[in-house]
Amino acid sequence: MNRIIQIDGGIGRCIAFTGALRHLKEKYPKDKITILTSVPEIFYNNNDIDKVYPLNTPYLFENVIQKGHYFKPEPYNMYEYYVEDKHISTCFNKEMTDDDLFVKPIINLTEKEKKEAQLWVSKQPRPIILFQPHGMHGGKGLPDMTYRSLTDEFAEKLGKEMQKKYDIYIVKSQDQKGIKDLKTFNGLSIRQIIALVPYVHGIVCCDSFMQHACGAFGKKAIVFWGATIPENLGYETNVNILPKKKRIRIPNRLPHNYLDVENINKGVNEFGDEEIKRVMEELDKPNSKKSR
């Protein structure tokens, strides 16, 4: 079978799908697999696929989709995801192969990518922390309706505290704000940033693509959770910092009333000095595995 698979969403969803992709290829080794995505970089150097196309490719329907069997998996719509709290990778697998199976993400770096990342980290004067305070919808001056992003005030306070001991690099998109006096990456590709993950001292983030990348490499990530939950999206290597406040988690591709979600989740992504202390303590520990 010639399988044409469209993966919607951001970088994290694409990374999460790579585990299910591996199982799909193992189960149907003779099938050809083509990926359609807005983040093709995640699938570069992946031996489980034959081709990958950006979603804005001209004549995509005529030249690609009509040549095979089209699939568009959506874990958020699955009962197993929004009621049974199964992992997004498991749900991708369930949709694509009917197997109730979790497979961790896979990111295939080239030897050049590994060497360049390792060399850059080795030349830095202090240990490096990659800090991703905002999800895809945060850090743009508007409320993050997924309630994943850290508040600007807390992100700045945490970043400045970590800076006392480490060099902090904010991981963000071009349209997201940074934090004054903290460094950002200028001109690096997604893959170049992800390639740093195995070699830096630590990762501190909200629920976004950096924690999925850490899941792929078996790297400890200190992850702040707002209205999403680690059972659905986290990894056993995470250190999970959970909100004290009750929350309602509604996948953003299911219909819901935003006002209800806002009222219930108000303050769910607010943290304080206790959580900062825990982050600093965890950064002093080695990259050991944690239970999910």
C-alpha atoms as a PDB file:
ATOM      1  CA  MET A   1       0.000   0.000   0.000  1.00  0.00           C
ATOM      2  CA  ASN A   2       1.112   3.555  -0.703  1.00  0.00           C
ATOM      3  CA  ARG A   3       0.192   5.435   2.484  1.00  0.00           C
ATOM      4  CA  ILE A   4      -0.121   9.241   2.381  1.00  0.00           C
ATOM      5  CA  ILE A   5      -0.253  10.475   5.994  1.00  0.00           C
ATOM      6  CA  GLN A   6      -1.005  14.072   6.963  1.00  0.00           C
ATOM      7  CA  ILE A   7       0.170  15.154  10.420  1.00  0.00           C
ATOM      8  CA  ASP A   8      -1.447  18.413  11.502  1.00  0.00           C
ATOM      9  CA  GLY A   9      -0.289  20.630  14.330  1.00  0.00           C
ATOM     10  CA  GLY A  10       3.072  21.845  15.507  1.00  0.00           C
ATOM     11  CA  ILE A  11       6.537  20.449  16.084  1.00  0.00           C
ATOM     12  CA  GLY A  12       5.617  18.457  19.194  1.00  0.00           C
ATOM     13  CA  ARG A  13       2.830  16.494  17.496  1.00  0.00           C
ATOM     14  CA  CYS A  14       5.153  15.634  14.628  1.00  0.00           C
ATOM     15  CA  ILE A  15       7.798  14.356  17.039  1.00  0.00           C
ATOM     16  CA  ALA A  16       5.182  12.354  18.969  1.00  0.00           C
ATOM     17  CA  PHE A  17       4.043  10.676  15.731  1.00  0.00           C
ATOM     18  CA  THR A  18       7.502   9.323  14.914  1.00  0.00           C
ATOM     19  CA  GLY A  19       7.163   6.467  17.405  1.00  0.00           C
ATOM     20  CA  ALA A  20       3.913   5.291  15.832  1.00  0.00           C
ATOM     21  CA  LEU A  21       5.533   5.727  12.430  1.00  0.00           C
ATOM     22  CA  ARG A  22       8.280   3.274  13.412  1.00  0.00           C
ATOM     23  CA  HIS A  23       5.724   0.689  14.525  1.00  0.00           C
ATOM     24  CA  LEU A  24       3.676   1.201  11.349  1.00  0.00           C
ATOM     25  CA  LYS A  25       6.743   0.514   9.200  1.00  0.00           C
ATOM     26  CA  GLU A  26       7.666  -2.547  11.251  1.00  0.00           C
ATOM     27  CA  LYS A  27       4.145  -3.955  10.905  1.00  0.00           C
ATOM     28  CA  TYR A  28       3.832  -3.196   7.185  1.00  0.00           C
ATOM     29  CA  PRO A  29       7.433  -3.179   5.909  1.00  0.00           C
ATOM     30  CA  LYS A  30       6.446  -3.353   2.235  1.00  0.00           C
ATOM     31  CA  ASP A  31       4.231  -0.255   2.402  1.00  0.00           C
ATOM     32  CA  LYS A  32       5.484   3.048   1.062  1.00  0.00           C
ATOM     33  CA  ILE A  33       4.912   5.960   3.445  1.00  0.00           C
ATOM     34  CA  THR A  34       4.691   9.630   2.480  1.00  0.00           C
ATOM     35  CA  ILE A  35       4.310  12.322   5.161  1.00  0.00           C
ATOM     36  CA  LEU A  36       2.499  15.638   4.622  1.00  0.00           C
ATOM     37  CA  THR A  37       3.257  18.185   7.353  1.00  0.00           C
ATOM     38  CA  SER A  38       3.940  21.810   8.145  1.00  0.00           C
ATOM     39  CA  VAL A  39       7.173  20.717   9.884  1.00  0.00           C
ATOM     40  CA  PRO A  40       9.005  18.460   7.397  1.00  0.00           C
ATOM     41  CA  GLU A  41      12.319  18.960   9.235  1.00  0.00           C
ATOM     42  CA  ILE A  42      11.257  16.506  11.933  1.00  0.00           C
ATOM     43  CA  PHE A  43      11.115  13.704   9.351  1.00  0.00           C
ATOM     44  CA  TYR A  44      14.455  14.398   7.662  1.00  0.00           C
ATOM     45  CA  ASN A  45      16.875  11.454   7.782  1.00  0.00           C
ATOM     46  CA  ASN A  46      13.997   9.146   8.829  1.00  0.00           C
ATOM     47  CA  ASN A  47      14.351   5.714   7.253  1.00  0.00           C
ATOM     48  CA  ASP A  48      10.729   4.813   8.008  1.00  0.00           C
ATOM     49  CA  ILE A  49       9.375   7.067   5.252  1.00  0.00           C
ATOM     50  CA  ASP A  50       9.879   7.344   1.516  1.00  0.00           C
ATOM     51  CA  LYS A  51       9.050  11.036   1.049  1.00  0.00           C
ATOM     52  CA  VAL A  52       7.993  14.086   3.037  1.00  0.00           C
ATOM     53  CA  TYR A  53       6.185  17.143   1.644  1.00  0.00           C
ATOM     54  CA  PRO A  54       5.371  20.513   3.220  1.00  0.00           C
ATOM     55  CA  LEU A  55       1.633  21.176   3.304  1.00  0.00           C
ATOM     56  CA  ASN A  56       2.082  24.204   1.033  1.00  0.00           C
ATOM     57  CA  THR A  57       3.579  22.115  -1.782  1.00  0.00           C
ATOM     58  CA  PRO A  58       1.968  23.082  -5.132  1.00  0.00           C
ATOM     59  CA  TYR A  59      -0.385  20.497  -6.644  1.00  0.00           C
ATOM     60  CA  LEU A  60      -0.153  18.363  -3.512  1.00  0.00           C
ATOM     61  CA  PHE A  61      -3.547  16.716  -4.115  1.00  0.00           C
ATOM     62  CA  GLU A  62      -3.038  16.022  -7.801  1.00  0.00           C
ATOM     63  CA  ASN A  63       0.584  14.857  -7.651  1.00  0.00           C
ATOM     64  CA  VAL A  64       0.739  13.146  -4.252  1.00  0.00           C
ATOM     65  CA  ILE A  65      -2.551  12.380  -2.497  1.00  0.00           C
ATOM     66  CA  GLN A  66      -4.241  10.916  -5.579  1.00  0.00           C
ATOM     67  CA  LYS A  67      -1.377   8.449  -5.935  1.00  0.00           C
ATOM     68  CA  GLY A  68      -2.149   6.542  -2.730  1.00  0.00           C
ATOM     69  CA  HIS A  69      -4.341   5.936   0.330  1.00  0.00           C
ATOM     70  CA  TYR A  70      -4.776   9.096   2.381  1.00  0.00           C
ATOM     71  CA  PHE A  71      -4.799   9.125   6.210  1.00  0.00           C
ATOM     72  CA  LYS A  72      -5.202  12.012   8.642  1.00  0.00           C
ATOM     73  CA  PRO A  73      -4.858  10.659  12.214  1.00  0.00           C
ATOM     74  CA  GLU A  74      -6.238  12.824  15.012  1.00  0.00           C
ATOM     75  CA  PRO A  75      -5.613  11.505  18.558  1.00  0.00           C
ATOM     76  CA  TYR A  76      -7.473  14.417  20.190  1.00  0.00           C
ATOM     77  CA  ASN A  77     -10.750  13.051  18.833  1.00  0.00           C
ATOM     78  CA  MET A  78     -10.247   9.616  20.353  1.00  0.00           C
ATOM     79  CA  TYR A  79     -12.058   8.367  23.459  1.00  0.00           C
ATOM     80  CA  GLU A  80      -8.810   6.713  24.527  1.00  0.00           C
ATOM     81  CA  TYR A  81      -7.142  10.135  24.602  1.00  0.00           C
ATOM     82  CA  TYR A  82      -9.726  12.442  26.170  1.00  0.00           C
ATOM     83  CA  VAL A  83     -11.276   9.933  28.629  1.00  0.00           C
ATOM     84  CA  GLU A  84      -8.804   7.106  29.203  1.00  0.00           C
ATOM     85  CA  ASP A  85      -5.744   9.430  29.323  1.00  0.00           C
ATOM     86  CA  LYS A  86      -3.707   7.317  26.922  1.00  0.00           C
ATOM     87  CA  HIS A  87      -0.562   8.804  25.450  1.00  0.00           C
ATOM     88  CA  ILE A  88      -0.708  10.614  22.123  1.00  0.00           C
ATOM     89  CA  SER A  89       1.787   8.108  20.676  1.00  0.00           C
ATOM     90  CA  THR A  90      -0.426   5.212  21.757  1.00  0.00           C
ATOM     91  CA  CYS A  91      -3.429   6.891  20.154  1.00  0.00           C
ATOM     92  CA  PHE A  92      -1.532   7.497  16.916  1.00  0.00           C
ATOM     93  CA  ASN A  93      -0.651   3.792  16.941  1.00  0.00           C
ATOM     94  CA  LYS A  94      -4.242   2.802  17.623  1.00  0.00           C
ATOM     95  CA  GLU A  95      -5.452   4.833  14.660  1.00  0.00           C
ATOM     96  CA  MET A  96      -2.775   3.706  12.228  1.00  0.00           C
ATOM     97  CA  THR A  97      -2.290   0.024  13.175  1.00  0.00           C
ATOM     98  CA  ASP A  98      -5.095  -0.793  15.651  1.00  0.00           C
ATOM     99  CA  ASP A  99      -2.399  -1.713  18.190  1.00  0.00           C
ATOM    100  CA  ASP A 100      -2.694  -0.335  21.722  1.00  0.00           C
ATOM    101  CA  LEU A 101       1.012   0.384  22.024  1.00  0.00           C
ATOM    102  CA  PHE A 102       3.272   3.219  23.177  1.00  0.00           C
ATOM    103  CA  VAL A 103       6.472   3.759  21.193  1.00  0.00           C
ATOM    104  CA  LYS A 104       8.770   6.612  22.197  1.00  0.00           C
ATOM    105  CA  PRO A 105       9.603   9.279  19.594  1.00  0.00           C
ATOM    106  CA  ILE A 106      12.491   8.905  17.178  1.00  0.00           C
ATOM    107  CA  ILE A 107      14.622  11.768  15.859  1.00  0.00           C
ATOM    108  CA  ASN A 108      17.388  10.696  13.515  1.00  0.00           C
ATOM    109  CA  LEU A 109      20.233  13.201  13.655  1.00  0.00           C
ATOM    110  CA  THR A 110      23.056  13.059  11.140  1.00  0.00           C
ATOM    111  CA  GLU A 111      26.618  12.639  12.326  1.00  0.00           C
ATOM    112  CA  LYS A 112      27.299  16.206  11.203  1.00  0.00           C
ATOM    113  CA  GLU A 113      24.383  17.527  13.283  1.00  0.00           C
ATOM    114  CA  LYS A 114      25.612  15.631  16.341  1.00  0.00           C
ATOM    115  CA  LYS A 115      29.217  16.798  16.002  1.00  0.00           C
ATOM    116  CA  GLU A 116      28.280  20.443  15.451  1.00  0.00           C
ATOM    117  CA  ALA A 117      25.967  20.437  18.490  1.00  0.00           C
ATOM    118  CA  GLN A 118      28.489  18.715  20.723  1.00  0.00           C
ATOM    119  CA  LEU A 119      31.256  21.096  19.633  1.00  0.00           C
ATOM    120  CA  TRP A 120      29.130  24.194  20.288  1.00  0.00           C
ATOM    121  CA  VAL A 121      28.188  23.022  23.787  1.00  0.00           C
ATOM    122  CA  SER A 122      31.796  22.112  24.620  1.00  0.00           C
ATOM    123  CA  LYS A 123      32.945  25.651  23.809  1.00  0.00           C
ATOM    124  CA  GLN A 124      30.501  27.405  26.146  1.00  0.00           C
ATOM    125  CA  PRO A 125      31.989  28.868  29.345  1.00  0.00           C
ATOM    126  CA  ARG A 126      29.138  27.745  31.606  1.00  0.00           C
ATOM    127  CA  PRO A 127      26.632  24.852  31.597  1.00  0.00           C
ATOM    128  CA  ILE A 128      23.753  25.471  29.173  1.00  0.00           C
ATOM    129  CA  ILE A 129      20.040  25.367  30.003  1.00  0.00           C
ATOM    130  CA  LEU A 130      17.503  25.423  27.178  1.00  0.00           C
ATOM    131  CA  PHE A 131      14.373  27.174  28.445  1.00  0.00           C
ATOM    132  CA  GLN A 132      11.082  27.051  26.520  1.00  0.00           C
ATOM    133  CA  PRO A 133       8.494  29.022  28.521  1.00  0.00           C
ATOM    134  CA  HIS A 134       5.826  29.228  25.819  1.00  0.00           C
ATOM    135  CA  GLY A 135       3.853  26.789  23.734  1.00  0.00           C
ATOM    136  CA  MET A 136       2.964  27.510  20.127  1.00  0.00           C
ATOM    137  CA  HIS A 137       0.163  29.923  21.058  1.00  0.00           C
ATOM    138  CA  GLY A 138       1.921  31.744  23.896  1.00  0.00           C
ATOM    139  CA  GLY A 139       4.428  34.555  24.131  1.00  0.00           C
ATOM    140  CA  LYS A 140       2.718  36.711  21.520  1.00  0.00           C
ATOM    141  CA  GLY A 141       1.021  39.282  23.706  1.00  0.00           C
ATOM    142  CA  LEU A 142      -2.303  37.426  23.789  1.00  0.00           C
ATOM    143  CA  PRO A 143      -3.616  34.814  26.254  1.00  0.00           C
ATOM    144  CA  ASP A 144      -2.609  31.232  25.484  1.00  0.00           C
ATOM    145  CA  MET A 145      -6.006  29.541  25.285  1.00  0.00           C
ATOM    146  CA  THR A 146      -4.376  26.109  25.619  1.00  0.00           C
ATOM    147  CA  TYR A 147      -3.107  27.181  29.084  1.00  0.00           C
ATOM    148  CA  ARG A 148       0.271  25.522  28.500  1.00  0.00           C
ATOM    149  CA  SER A 149       2.563  28.549  28.489  1.00  0.00           C
ATOM    150  CA  LEU A 150       4.143  30.004  31.614  1.00  0.00           C
ATOM    151  CA  THR A 151       3.131  33.526  32.542  1.00  0.00           C
ATOM    152  CA  ASP A 152       5.567  36.210  31.424  1.00  0.00           C
ATOM    153  CA  GLU A 153       6.237  37.275  35.017  1.00  0.00           C
ATOM    154  CA  PHE A 154       7.061  33.780  36.235  1.00  0.00           C
ATOM    155  CA  ALA A 155       9.114  32.924  33.145  1.00  0.00           C
ATOM    156  CA  GLU A 156      11.268  36.024  33.689  1.00  0.00           C
ATOM    157  CA  LYS A 157      11.721  35.321  37.396  1.00  0.00           C
ATOM    158  CA  LEU A 158      12.648  31.676  36.763  1.00  0.00           C
ATOM    159  CA  GLY A 159      14.974  32.579  33.901  1.00  0.00           C
ATOM    160  CA  LYS A 160      16.828  35.175  35.952  1.00  0.00           C
ATOM    161  CA  GLU A 161      17.216  32.752  38.865  1.00  0.00           C
ATOM    162  CA  MET A 162      18.641  30.026  36.620  1.00  0.00           C
ATOM    163  CA  GLN A 163      20.964  32.588  35.031  1.00  0.00           C
ATOM    164  CA  LYS A 164      22.807  32.993  38.330  1.00  0.00           C
ATOM    165  CA  LYS A 165      24.327  29.561  37.834  1.00  0.00           C
ATOM    166  CA  TYR A 166      23.856  28.678  34.163  1.00  0.00           C
ATOM    167  CA  ASP A 167      23.807  30.199  30.691  1.00  0.00           C
ATOM    168  CA  ILE A 168      20.152  30.327  29.661  1.00  0.00           C
ATOM    169  CA  TYR A 169      19.013  30.158  26.053  1.00  0.00           C
ATOM    170  CA  ILE A 170      15.352  30.863  25.374  1.00  0.00           C
ATOM    171  CA  VAL A 171      13.834  28.525  22.783  1.00  0.00           C
ATOM    172  CA  LYS A 172      11.140  30.413  20.889  1.00  0.00           C
ATOM    173  CA  SER A 173       9.720  31.164  17.450  1.00  0.00           C
ATOM    174  CA  GLN A 174      10.427  34.470  15.712  1.00  0.00           C
ATOM    175  CA  ASP A 175       7.016  35.892  16.640  1.00  0.00           C
ATOM    176  CA  GLN A 176       7.354  35.056  20.347  1.00  0.00           C
ATOM    177  CA  LYS A 177       8.867  37.453  22.849  1.00  0.00           C
ATOM    178  CA  GLY A 178      12.079  36.647  24.661  1.00  0.00           C
ATOM    179  CA  ILE A 179      13.206  37.605  28.157  1.00  0.00           C
ATOM    180  CA  LYS A 180      15.378  40.656  28.717  1.00  0.00           C
ATOM    181  CA  ASP A 181      19.055  39.877  29.309  1.00  0.00           C
ATOM    182  CA  LEU A 182      18.599  36.191  28.404  1.00  0.00           C
ATOM    183  CA  LYS A 183      20.046  34.777  25.210  1.00  0.00           C
ATOM    184  CA  THR A 184      18.093  33.408  22.249  1.00  0.00           C
ATOM    185  CA  PHE A 185      19.144  31.465  19.167  1.00  0.00           C
ATOM    186  CA  ASN A 186      19.345  33.572  16.037  1.00  0.00           C
ATOM    187  CA  GLY A 187      19.395  31.793  12.705  1.00  0.00           C
ATOM    188  CA  LEU A 188      19.434  28.215  13.996  1.00  0.00           C
ATOM    189  CA  SER A 189      17.035  25.737  12.395  1.00  0.00           C
ATOM    190  CA  ILE A 190      14.643  23.553  14.384  1.00  0.00           C
ATOM    191  CA  ARG A 191      16.943  20.578  13.852  1.00  0.00           C
ATOM    192  CA  GLN A 192      20.014  22.489  15.027  1.00  0.00           C
ATOM    193  CA  ILE A 193      18.247  23.436  18.265  1.00  0.00           C
ATOM    194  CA  ILE A 194      16.934  19.895  18.793  1.00  0.00           C
ATOM    195  CA  ALA A 195      20.434  18.517  18.151  1.00  0.00           C
ATOM    196  CA  LEU A 196      21.644  20.385  21.262  1.00  0.00           C
ATOM    197  CA  VAL A 197      19.265  18.479  23.542  1.00  0.00           C
ATOM    198  CA  PRO A 198      21.474  15.446  24.306  1.00  0.00           C
ATOM    199  CA  TYR A 199      24.504  17.617  25.138  1.00  0.00           C
ATOM    200  CA  VAL A 200      23.263  20.570  27.205  1.00  0.00           C
ATOM    201  CA  HIS A 201      23.137  20.488  31.006  1.00  0.00           C
ATOM    202  CA  GLY A 202      19.371  20.765  31.284  1.00  0.00           C
ATOM    203  CA  ILE A 203      15.994  21.438  29.687  1.00  0.00           C
ATOM    204  CA  VAL A 204      13.268  23.488  31.402  1.00  0.00           C
ATOM    205  CA  CYS A 205      10.020  23.934  29.513  1.00  0.00           C
ATOM    206  CA  CYS A 206       6.271  23.979  29.409  1.00  0.00           C
ATOM    207  CA  ASP A 207       4.399  21.253  27.520  1.00  0.00           C
ATOM    208  CA  SER A 208       5.743  21.943  24.045  1.00  0.00           C
ATOM    209  CA  PHE A 209       8.112  20.458  21.489  1.00  0.00           C
ATOM    210  CA  MET A 210      11.238  20.511  23.645  1.00  0.00           C
ATOM    211  CA  GLN A 211       9.843  17.933  26.062  1.00  0.00           C
ATOM    212  CA  HIS A 212       8.920  15.681  23.116  1.00  0.00           C
ATOM    213  CA  ALA A 213      12.490  16.007  21.825  1.00  0.00           C
ATOM    214  CA  CYS A 214      13.760  15.050  25.280  1.00  0.00           C
ATOM    215  CA  GLY A 215      11.475  12.008  25.162  1.00  0.00           C
ATOM    216  CA  ALA A 216      13.122  10.950  21.912  1.00  0.00           C
ATOM    217  CA  PHE A 217      16.652  11.206  23.343  1.00  0.00           C
ATOM    218  CA  GLY A 218      15.913   9.866  26.828  1.00  0.00           C
ATOM    219  CA  LYS A 219      16.887  13.240  28.292  1.00  0.00           C
ATOM    220  CA  LYS A 220      15.458  14.528  31.560  1.00  0.00           C
ATOM    221  CA  ALA A 221      13.186  17.524  31.031  1.00  0.00           C
ATOM    222  CA  ILE A 222      11.763  19.650  33.834  1.00  0.00           C
ATOM    223  CA  VAL A 223       8.253  20.247  32.533  1.00  0.00           C
ATOM    224  CA  PHE A 224       5.620  22.690  33.812  1.00  0.00           C
ATOM    225  CA  TRP A 225       2.085  21.476  33.103  1.00  0.00           C
ATOM    226  CA  GLY A 226      -0.911  23.780  32.786  1.00  0.00           C
ATOM    227  CA  ALA A 227      -4.158  22.445  31.344  1.00  0.00           C
ATOM    228  CA  THR A 228      -2.554  19.489  29.573  1.00  0.00           C
ATOM    229  CA  ILE A 229      -1.469  16.349  31.429  1.00  0.00           C
ATOM    230  CA  PRO A 230       1.679  14.190  31.395  1.00  0.00           C
ATOM    231  CA  GLU A 231      -0.344  10.993  30.959  1.00  0.00           C
ATOM    232  CA  ASN A 232      -1.388  12.202  27.505  1.00  0.00           C
ATOM    233  CA  LEU A 233       1.810  13.903  26.425  1.00  0.00           C
ATOM    234  CA  GLY A 234       4.703  13.350  28.812  1.00  0.00           C
ATOM    235  CA  TYR A 235       7.560  10.835  29.070  1.00  0.00           C
ATOM    236  CA  GLU A 236       9.092   8.691  31.794  1.00  0.00           C
ATOM    237  CA  THR A 237      12.252  10.818  31.772  1.00  0.00           C
ATOM    238  CA  ASN A 238      10.310  13.969  32.733  1.00  0.00           C
ATOM    239  CA  VAL A 239      10.334  15.745  36.043  1.00  0.00           C
ATOM    240  CA  ASN A 240       6.738  16.926  36.081  1.00  0.00           C
ATOM    241  CA  ILE A 241       5.717  20.116  37.904  1.00  0.00           C
ATOM    242  CA  LEU A 242       1.954  20.088  38.177  1.00  0.00           C
ATOM    243  CA  PRO A 243      -0.453  22.934  38.997  1.00  0.00           C
ATOM    244  CA  LYS A 244      -2.047  22.970  42.418  1.00  0.00           C
ATOM    245  CA  LYS A 245      -5.312  24.262  40.961  1.00  0.00           C
ATOM    246  CA  LYS A 246      -8.045  22.084  39.499  1.00  0.00           C
ATOM    247  CA  ARG A 247      -8.025  22.228  35.705  1.00  0.00           C
ATOM    248  CA  ILE A 248     -10.127  21.164  32.767  1.00  0.00           C
ATOM    249  CA  ARG A 249      -8.313  19.808  29.748  1.00  0.00           C
ATOM    250  CA  ILE A 250     -10.197  19.921  26.476  1.00  0.00           C
ATOM    251  CA  PRO A 251      -8.201  19.031  23.357  1.00  0.00           C
ATOM    252  CA  ASN A 252      -8.206  22.101  21.143  1.00  0.00           C
ATOM    253  CA  ARG A 253      -9.621  20.271  18.138  1.00  0.00           C
ATOM    254  CA  LEU A 254     -12.802  19.272  19.974  1.00  0.00           C
ATOM    255  CA  PRO A 255     -15.715  21.715  20.273  1.00  0.00           C
ATOM    256  CA  HIS A 256     -15.986  23.522  23.588  1.00  0.00           C
ATOM    257  CA  ASN A 257     -16.920  26.836  25.131  1.00  0.00           C
ATOM    258  CA  TYR A 258     -13.770  28.929  25.562  1.00  0.00           C
ATOM    259  CA  LEU A 259     -15.390  30.992  28.306  1.00  0.00           C
ATOM    260  CA  ASP A 260     -16.020  27.872  30.424  1.00  0.00           C
ATOM    261  CA  VAL A 261     -12.449  26.697  29.922  1.00  0.00           C
ATOM    262  CA  GLU A 262     -11.103  30.151  30.782  1.00  0.00           C
ATOM    263  CA  ASN A 263     -13.132  30.355  33.988  1.00  0.00           C
ATOM    264  CA  ILE A 264     -12.055  26.915  35.170  1.00  0.00           C
ATOM    265  CA  ASN A 265      -8.415  27.189  34.108  1.00  0.00           C
ATOM    266  CA  LYS A 266      -7.790  30.720  35.352  1.00  0.00           C
ATOM    267  CA  GLY A 267      -4.476  30.622  37.193  1.00  0.00           C
ATOM    268  CA  VAL A 268      -3.735  26.997  36.308  1.00  0.00           C
ATOM    269  CA  ASN A 269      -0.398  27.951  34.721  1.00  0.00           C
ATOM    270  CA  GLU A 270       0.759  30.221  37.543  1.00  0.00           C
ATOM    271  CA  PHE A 271       3.709  29.072  39.654  1.00  0.00           C
ATOM    272  CA  GLY A 272       5.903  30.641  42.326  1.00  0.00           C
ATOM    273  CA  ASP A 273       9.028  30.460  44.481  1.00  0.00           C
ATOM    274  CA  GLU A 274       8.404  26.857  45.560  1.00  0.00           C
ATOM    275  CA  GLU A 275       8.544  25.678  41.960  1.00  0.00           C
ATOM    276  CA  ILE A 276      11.650  27.770  41.224  1.00  0.00           C
ATOM    277  CA  LYS A 277      13.412  26.135  44.178  1.00  0.00           C
ATOM    278  CA  ARG A 278      12.474  22.709  42.859  1.00  0.00           C
ATOM    279  CA  VAL A 279      13.809  23.526  39.390  1.00  0.00           C
ATOM    280  CA  MET A 280      17.156  24.602  40.824  1.00  0.00           C
ATOM    281  CA  GLU A 281      17.351  21.423  42.910  1.00  0.00           C
ATOM    282  CA  GLU A 282      16.562  19.244  39.903  1.00  0.00           C
ATOM    283  CA  LEU A 283      19.157  20.973  37.747  1.00  0.00           C
ATOM    284  CA  ASP A 284      21.788  19.948  40.291  1.00  0.00           C
ATOM    285  CA  LYS A 285      20.861  16.266  39.808  1.00  0.00           C
ATOM    286  CA  PRO A 286      22.143  14.010  37.007  1.00  0.00           C
ATOM    287  CA  ASN A 287      19.980  13.117  34.002  1.00  0.00           C
ATOM    288  CA  SER A 288      18.221  10.216  35.686  1.00  0.00           C
ATOM    289  CA  LYS A 289      14.954   8.602  34.689  1.00  0.00           C
ATOM    290  CA  LYS A 290      11.743   9.594  36.418  1.00  0.00           C
ATOM    291  CA  SER A 291       8.446   7.723  36.510  1.00  0.00           C
ATOM    292  CA  ARG A 292       5.665   9.199  34.423  1.00  0.00           C
END
